[in-house]
Protein backbone atom coordinates (compact mmCIF):
# COMPACT_ATOMS: atom_id res chain seq x y z
CA MET A 1 -184.47 39.71 -28.13
CA SER A 2 -185.14 36.22 -29.43
CA PHE A 3 -186.47 33.43 -27.21
CA PHE A 4 -186.91 29.69 -27.50
CA ASP A 5 -188.04 26.84 -25.27
CA TYR A 6 -185.61 24.74 -23.30
CA SER A 7 -186.79 21.65 -21.45
CA PHE A 8 -185.42 19.17 -18.93
CA GLU A 9 -186.78 16.37 -16.76
CA LEU A 10 -187.87 16.68 -13.14
CA GLN A 11 -188.65 13.60 -11.02
CA LEU A 12 -191.13 14.00 -8.14
CA PRO A 13 -190.92 11.59 -5.18
CA ALA A 14 -193.57 8.85 -5.03
CA GLY A 15 -196.66 9.91 -3.05
CA SER A 16 -195.58 13.55 -2.93
CA GLN A 17 -198.38 15.98 -1.98
CA SER A 18 -196.43 19.11 -2.88
CA THR A 19 -196.71 21.08 -6.09
CA GLU A 20 -194.34 20.81 -8.98
CA ALA A 21 -192.95 24.28 -8.31
CA ASP A 22 -191.86 23.19 -4.82
CA HIS A 23 -189.43 20.76 -6.41
CA PHE A 24 -188.16 23.09 -9.12
CA ASP A 25 -184.72 24.42 -8.27
CA PRO A 26 -184.13 27.75 -10.02
CA GLY A 27 -180.54 27.63 -8.83
CA TRP A 28 -179.87 24.86 -11.37
CA TYR A 29 -181.27 27.04 -14.12
CA GLU A 30 -179.21 30.05 -13.11
CA PRO A 31 -176.60 29.25 -10.45
CA GLY A 32 -176.95 31.65 -7.56
CA GLY A 33 -179.89 33.54 -9.05
CA PRO A 34 -183.65 33.26 -8.54
CA LEU A 35 -186.00 32.43 -11.37
CA SER A 36 -187.55 35.69 -12.54
CA LEU A 37 -191.33 36.04 -12.82
CA SER A 38 -191.06 36.40 -16.60
CA ASP A 39 -189.48 32.95 -16.76
CA THR A 40 -192.21 30.99 -14.95
CA PRO A 41 -191.76 27.32 -15.87
CA GLU A 42 -194.45 25.26 -17.54
CA PHE A 43 -194.88 21.74 -16.13
CA VAL A 44 -195.88 19.08 -18.64
CA HIS A 45 -197.01 15.74 -17.14
CA THR A 46 -195.83 12.58 -18.86
CA PRO A 47 -196.55 8.88 -18.15
CA SER A 48 -194.98 7.67 -14.90
CA MET A 49 -191.68 5.82 -15.11
CA GLY A 50 -191.48 3.43 -12.14
CA SER A 51 -192.17 5.04 -8.78
CA GLY A 52 -192.90 8.71 -8.61
CA GLU A 53 -194.03 11.05 -11.34
CA ARG A 54 -191.93 12.10 -14.32
CA LEU A 55 -192.29 15.68 -15.55
CA ILE A 56 -190.93 17.72 -18.40
CA VAL A 57 -190.18 21.30 -17.36
CA VAL A 58 -190.34 23.80 -20.20
CA LEU A 59 -188.75 27.23 -19.82
CA HIS A 60 -189.29 30.12 -22.22
CA ILE A 61 -185.87 31.73 -21.97
CA SER A 62 -183.37 33.72 -24.00
CA PRO A 63 -180.19 32.10 -25.38
CA SER A 64 -178.04 34.15 -23.00
CA ARG A 65 -179.95 32.87 -19.95
CA LEU A 66 -179.76 29.36 -21.34
CA ALA A 67 -175.99 29.69 -21.01
CA SER A 68 -176.41 29.97 -17.25
CA ALA A 69 -178.56 26.85 -17.14
CA THR A 70 -176.36 24.56 -19.14
CA SER A 71 -172.74 25.59 -18.66
CA HIS A 72 -172.31 24.39 -15.09
CA GLY A 73 -170.15 21.29 -14.74
CA SER A 74 -169.89 20.51 -18.46
CA SER A 75 -166.89 19.68 -20.61
CA ILE A 76 -165.58 22.15 -23.17
CA GLY A 77 -166.86 19.89 -25.94
CA ASP A 78 -170.36 19.84 -24.44
CA LYS A 79 -170.38 23.62 -24.10
CA GLU A 80 -169.33 24.11 -27.71
CA MET A 81 -171.94 21.61 -28.90
CA ARG A 82 -174.71 23.44 -27.05
CA ALA A 83 -173.48 26.75 -28.41
CA LYS A 84 -173.74 25.37 -31.94
CA LYS A 85 -177.36 24.42 -31.23
CA VAL A 86 -178.07 27.98 -30.08
CA ILE A 87 -176.43 29.34 -33.23
CA SER A 88 -178.47 26.94 -35.36
CA LYS A 89 -181.73 28.18 -33.77
CA GLN A 90 -180.52 31.75 -34.09
CA LYS A 91 -179.93 31.39 -37.83
CA LYS A 92 -183.58 30.42 -38.30
CA GLU A 93 -184.78 33.81 -37.03
CA ASP A 94 -186.53 36.05 -39.55
CA GLY A 95 -184.77 39.34 -38.88
CA VAL A 96 -181.21 40.12 -39.94
CA ALA A 97 -180.31 41.47 -36.48
CA GLU A 98 -181.84 38.45 -34.73
CA LYS A 99 -179.69 36.14 -36.84
CA MET A 100 -176.59 37.94 -35.55
CA GLY A 101 -177.20 37.63 -31.83
CA SER A 102 -179.50 37.73 -28.85
CA ASP A 103 -179.85 41.52 -28.55
CA VAL A 104 -178.44 43.12 -31.70
CA ARG A 105 -179.80 46.28 -33.31
CA ILE A 106 -179.23 47.71 -36.77
CA ILE A 107 -179.65 51.47 -36.70
CA SER A 108 -179.68 53.86 -39.65
CA THR A 109 -177.71 57.04 -38.97
CA ALA A 110 -176.90 60.12 -41.03
CA THR A 111 -173.49 58.64 -41.85
CA GLY A 112 -174.58 55.06 -42.52
CA TYR A 113 -175.77 51.97 -40.70
CA HIS A 114 -174.61 51.13 -37.19
CA ILE A 115 -174.77 47.57 -35.84
CA GLY A 116 -174.47 47.18 -32.09
CA GLY A 117 -175.77 45.55 -28.95
CA VAL A 118 -175.04 42.32 -27.13
CA TYR A 119 -174.40 39.38 -29.45
CA TRP A 120 -174.33 36.80 -26.67
CA GLN A 121 -173.92 36.56 -22.92
CA ALA A 122 -171.47 34.40 -21.03
CA PRO A 123 -172.75 32.32 -18.08
CA ALA A 124 -174.06 34.38 -15.17
CA CYS A 125 -172.66 34.13 -11.64
CA ASP A 126 -169.31 32.85 -12.87
CA THR A 127 -167.15 32.56 -9.76
CA THR A 128 -163.97 32.18 -11.83
CA ILE A 129 -164.07 35.83 -12.99
CA PRO A 130 -161.40 37.82 -11.09
CA SER A 131 -163.13 40.39 -8.91
CA SER A 132 -160.25 42.14 -7.14
CA PRO A 133 -157.03 43.83 -8.28
CA ALA A 134 -155.05 41.03 -6.62
CA GLU A 135 -156.93 38.34 -8.58
CA ILE A 136 -156.57 40.26 -11.85
CA SER A 137 -152.85 40.70 -11.17
CA GLU A 138 -152.50 36.95 -10.60
CA TYR A 139 -154.02 36.19 -14.02
CA VAL A 140 -151.85 38.89 -15.64
CA ASP A 141 -148.68 37.38 -14.14
CA MET A 142 -149.57 33.95 -15.54
CA LEU A 143 -150.06 35.41 -19.03
CA VAL A 144 -146.77 37.31 -18.81
CA LYS A 145 -144.96 34.03 -18.11
CA ALA A 146 -146.79 32.37 -21.00
CA ILE A 147 -145.83 35.16 -23.43
CA LEU A 148 -142.16 35.08 -22.37
CA ASN A 149 -141.92 31.28 -22.47
CA ASN A 150 -139.49 30.07 -25.15
CA GLN A 151 -139.53 26.31 -24.53
CA GLY A 152 -141.69 23.78 -26.37
CA CYS A 153 -142.90 26.36 -28.87
CA ARG A 154 -144.45 25.56 -32.24
CA GLU A 155 -141.98 27.75 -34.10
CA ARG A 156 -138.37 26.77 -34.80
CA GLU A 157 -136.52 27.94 -31.72
CA ASN A 158 -133.12 28.19 -33.43
CA ARG A 159 -134.18 30.71 -36.07
CA GLN A 160 -132.79 34.20 -35.69
CA GLN A 161 -136.23 35.80 -35.92
CA PHE A 162 -137.37 33.69 -32.95
CA LEU A 163 -134.22 34.42 -30.94
CA ASN A 164 -134.49 38.17 -31.56
CA ARG A 165 -137.87 38.36 -29.84
CA TRP A 166 -138.06 35.35 -27.55
CA GLY A 167 -134.51 34.17 -26.95
CA THR A 168 -133.25 34.12 -23.36
CA GLY A 169 -131.94 37.57 -22.51
CA SER A 170 -133.69 39.24 -25.46
CA SER A 171 -134.55 42.90 -24.90
CA PHE A 172 -136.84 43.22 -27.93
CA TYR A 173 -139.84 43.71 -25.60
CA THR A 174 -139.65 45.40 -22.21
CA ILE A 175 -141.38 43.80 -19.22
CA PHE A 176 -143.62 46.87 -19.07
CA GLU A 177 -144.87 46.25 -22.61
CA VAL A 178 -145.45 42.55 -22.01
CA GLU A 179 -147.33 43.15 -18.76
CA ALA A 180 -149.47 45.89 -20.31
CA ALA A 181 -150.40 43.59 -23.21
CA ALA A 182 -151.26 40.72 -20.83
CA ARG A 183 -153.38 43.07 -18.72
CA GLU A 184 -155.28 44.21 -21.81
CA VAL A 185 -156.11 40.59 -22.68
CA ILE A 186 -157.35 39.82 -19.14
CA LEU A 187 -159.49 42.96 -18.98
CA GLY A 188 -160.92 42.17 -22.42
CA MET A 189 -161.91 38.71 -21.19
CA LYS A 190 -163.40 40.15 -18.01
CA GLU A 191 -165.52 42.56 -20.06
CA ILE A 192 -166.92 39.69 -22.16
CA HIS A 193 -167.80 37.55 -19.15
CA GLU A 194 -169.42 40.39 -17.22
CA ASN A 195 -171.21 42.34 -19.97
CA GLY A 196 -171.42 39.96 -22.92
CA TRP A 197 -169.87 40.10 -26.39
CA THR A 198 -170.46 43.59 -27.82
CA LYS A 199 -167.74 43.90 -30.47
CA ALA A 200 -169.32 43.94 -33.93
CA ILE A 201 -167.92 41.21 -36.18
CA TYR A 202 -169.25 41.55 -39.72
CA ASP A 203 -168.00 38.24 -41.09
CA LYS A 204 -170.68 35.64 -40.34
CA ASP A 205 -168.31 32.67 -40.06
CA GLU A 206 -165.96 34.49 -37.69
CA ARG A 207 -168.85 35.84 -35.61
CA GLU A 208 -170.28 32.34 -35.16
CA CYS A 209 -166.80 31.00 -34.39
CA TYR A 210 -166.57 33.35 -31.39
CA GLN A 211 -170.13 32.58 -30.29
CA GLN A 212 -169.20 28.92 -29.93
CA THR A 213 -167.53 29.98 -26.66
CA MET A 214 -170.71 31.51 -25.19
CA PHE A 215 -170.96 28.75 -22.53
CA TYR A 216 -167.30 29.06 -21.48
CA SER A 217 -166.50 30.19 -17.97
CA PHE A 218 -163.78 32.81 -17.53
CA ALA A 219 -161.46 30.01 -16.42
CA ASP A 220 -162.23 28.00 -19.57
CA ARG A 221 -161.28 30.92 -21.79
CA PHE A 222 -158.18 31.75 -19.78
CA THR A 223 -156.93 28.15 -19.90
CA ALA A 224 -157.24 28.12 -23.69
CA ILE A 225 -155.54 31.51 -24.10
CA HIS A 226 -152.75 30.55 -21.69
CA GLU A 227 -152.01 27.38 -23.69
CA LEU A 228 -152.10 29.34 -26.95
CA LEU A 229 -149.66 32.03 -25.79
CA MET A 230 -147.41 29.52 -24.05
CA HIS A 231 -146.71 27.62 -27.27
CA SER A 232 -147.47 29.96 -30.19
CA LYS A 233 -144.98 32.80 -30.35
CA THR A 234 -146.60 33.95 -33.59
CA THR A 235 -149.75 34.65 -31.58
CA CYS A 236 -147.68 36.35 -28.88
CA LYS A 237 -146.23 38.61 -31.56
CA ASP A 238 -149.79 39.43 -32.68
CA VAL A 239 -150.66 40.35 -29.09
CA MET A 240 -147.64 42.64 -28.85
CA LYS A 241 -148.42 44.21 -32.22
CA GLY A 242 -152.03 44.79 -31.21
CA THR A 243 -153.42 42.67 -34.04
CA LYS A 244 -155.95 39.80 -33.95
CA PHE A 245 -157.01 40.83 -30.44
CA TYR A 246 -160.62 39.69 -30.80
CA ALA A 247 -159.65 36.48 -32.59
CA ILE A 248 -157.39 35.60 -29.67
CA ILE A 249 -159.94 36.21 -26.91
CA GLY A 250 -162.92 35.26 -29.09
CA ASN A 251 -162.05 31.62 -29.69
CA PRO A 252 -158.52 30.75 -28.55
CA ARG A 253 -159.07 27.01 -29.01
CA VAL A 254 -159.79 27.41 -32.73
CA LEU A 255 -156.82 29.75 -33.11
CA SER A 256 -154.63 27.20 -31.32
CA LYS A 257 -155.71 24.52 -33.78
CA ARG A 258 -154.90 26.85 -36.67
CA THR A 259 -151.39 27.52 -35.36
CA LYS A 260 -150.78 23.77 -34.99
CA MET A 261 -151.95 23.20 -38.56
CA ASN A 262 -149.67 25.99 -39.78
CA VAL A 263 -146.69 24.32 -38.09
CA HIS A 264 -147.42 20.99 -39.81
CA SER A 265 -148.05 22.77 -43.11
CA ASN A 266 -144.80 24.73 -42.85
CA SER A 267 -142.88 21.55 -41.97
CA ARG A 268 -144.23 19.77 -45.04
CA LYS A 269 -143.48 22.84 -47.12
CA ALA A 270 -139.89 22.91 -45.84
CA VAL A 271 -139.45 19.24 -46.75
CA ARG A 272 -140.84 19.85 -50.24
CA ILE A 273 -138.56 22.85 -50.71
CA ALA A 274 -135.53 20.85 -49.54
CA LYS A 275 -136.35 18.01 -51.93
CA GLY A 276 -136.93 20.50 -54.73
CA MET A 277 -133.60 22.20 -54.08
CA GLU A 278 -131.83 18.83 -54.06
CA PHE A 279 -133.50 17.87 -57.33
CA MET A 280 -132.58 21.20 -58.90
CA LYS A 281 -129.02 20.82 -57.65
CA ARG A 282 -128.70 17.36 -59.21
CA GLN A 283 -130.36 18.58 -62.39
CA HIS A 284 -128.00 21.54 -62.50
CA GLU A 285 -124.99 19.25 -61.98
CA ASP A 286 -126.20 16.88 -64.70
CA THR A 287 -126.84 19.79 -67.04
CA ALA A 288 -123.44 21.29 -66.32
CA LYS A 289 -121.74 17.95 -66.95
CA ASN A 290 -123.63 17.45 -70.20
CA GLU A 291 -122.77 20.96 -71.31
CA TYR A 292 -119.12 20.39 -70.44
CA ASP A 293 -119.01 17.11 -72.37
CA ALA A 294 -120.75 18.73 -75.33
CA ALA A 295 -118.29 21.61 -75.26
CA GLU A 296 -115.35 19.22 -75.29
CA GLU A 297 -116.80 17.33 -78.23
CA ALA A 298 -117.38 20.58 -80.07
CA ALA A 299 -113.81 21.65 -79.38
CA GLU A 300 -112.53 18.41 -80.78
CA ASP A 301 -114.62 18.92 -83.94
CA ASP A 302 -113.27 22.45 -84.39
CA HIS A 303 -109.70 21.38 -83.82
CA PRO A 304 -109.43 17.78 -84.93
CA ARG A 305 -106.37 15.90 -83.90
CA PRO A 306 -103.72 15.72 -86.62
CA LYS A 307 -103.93 12.56 -88.65
CA LYS A 308 -100.99 10.24 -88.52
CA ARG A 309 -98.94 10.41 -91.69
CA ALA A 310 -99.01 7.20 -93.61
CA LYS A 311 -95.69 5.47 -93.93
CA LYS A 312 -94.21 5.47 -97.39
CA ARG A 313 -94.11 2.11 -98.92
CA HIS A 314 -90.92 1.17 -100.67
CA PHE A 315 -91.00 -1.19 -103.61
CA ARG A 316 -88.00 -3.18 -104.53
């Protein structure tokens, strides 16, 4: 497992006679969990700033434990930014496995190489993770409604393909199938947030894309997936088909951006096609007219009009 130092400031009250450790709150570092003996902080004194004493606390911790220290109370953008910093440090590791994740192993077997382990851990002590069947069922119900929603979608709602699957009264999918698919998504999310990301992703860019969510809480991930399935029926179809499962739960925000871009791209494409068809229609009409005129001229050349007979002149 790879480690790196993470530091933050700690301000001691002026005239304090207590030790630095007395003022160190391990609960900030890992909400709800004590600081383990292996993670004893190092206190680095710096010049005083005003009253009191300013300290820099340095922790020698793993990237997965860093998630617990820094995810609390942050915006999604902040969490993704910190994840990118972890990924950047990770990429500087010497070993191939260490570059992939926090606890990844490459094992040679009789049938070929096996890559496995925990690529990254989600924040510990996440109170938003559903812990009872009733809580899981509540999340499942919300996803079912998102999947069945057919208003405000990114696809054209009047197309027959859309109406077949998502139109009001459609029986393309049974409620049992939709609920089972939603349950699978929720349980997949729960597995990630309780045991870490263990699915091997062999494409480096895609693997790092998913790791950008390592500081997400369960609620963060659910909110993004709910928005994605509410508005992207293409993604809902992928869920029902059993495709792109890990892309959907791995980084739903990125996938949502991709579906939005596809809508804009398809709209521009439709406009270009319409203009092209109109141009071809006009060109075809002009060509047909020219051909008709040319044919008439040719017909006149083949069958010239009879010349008027000259009147006889009479001489007296």
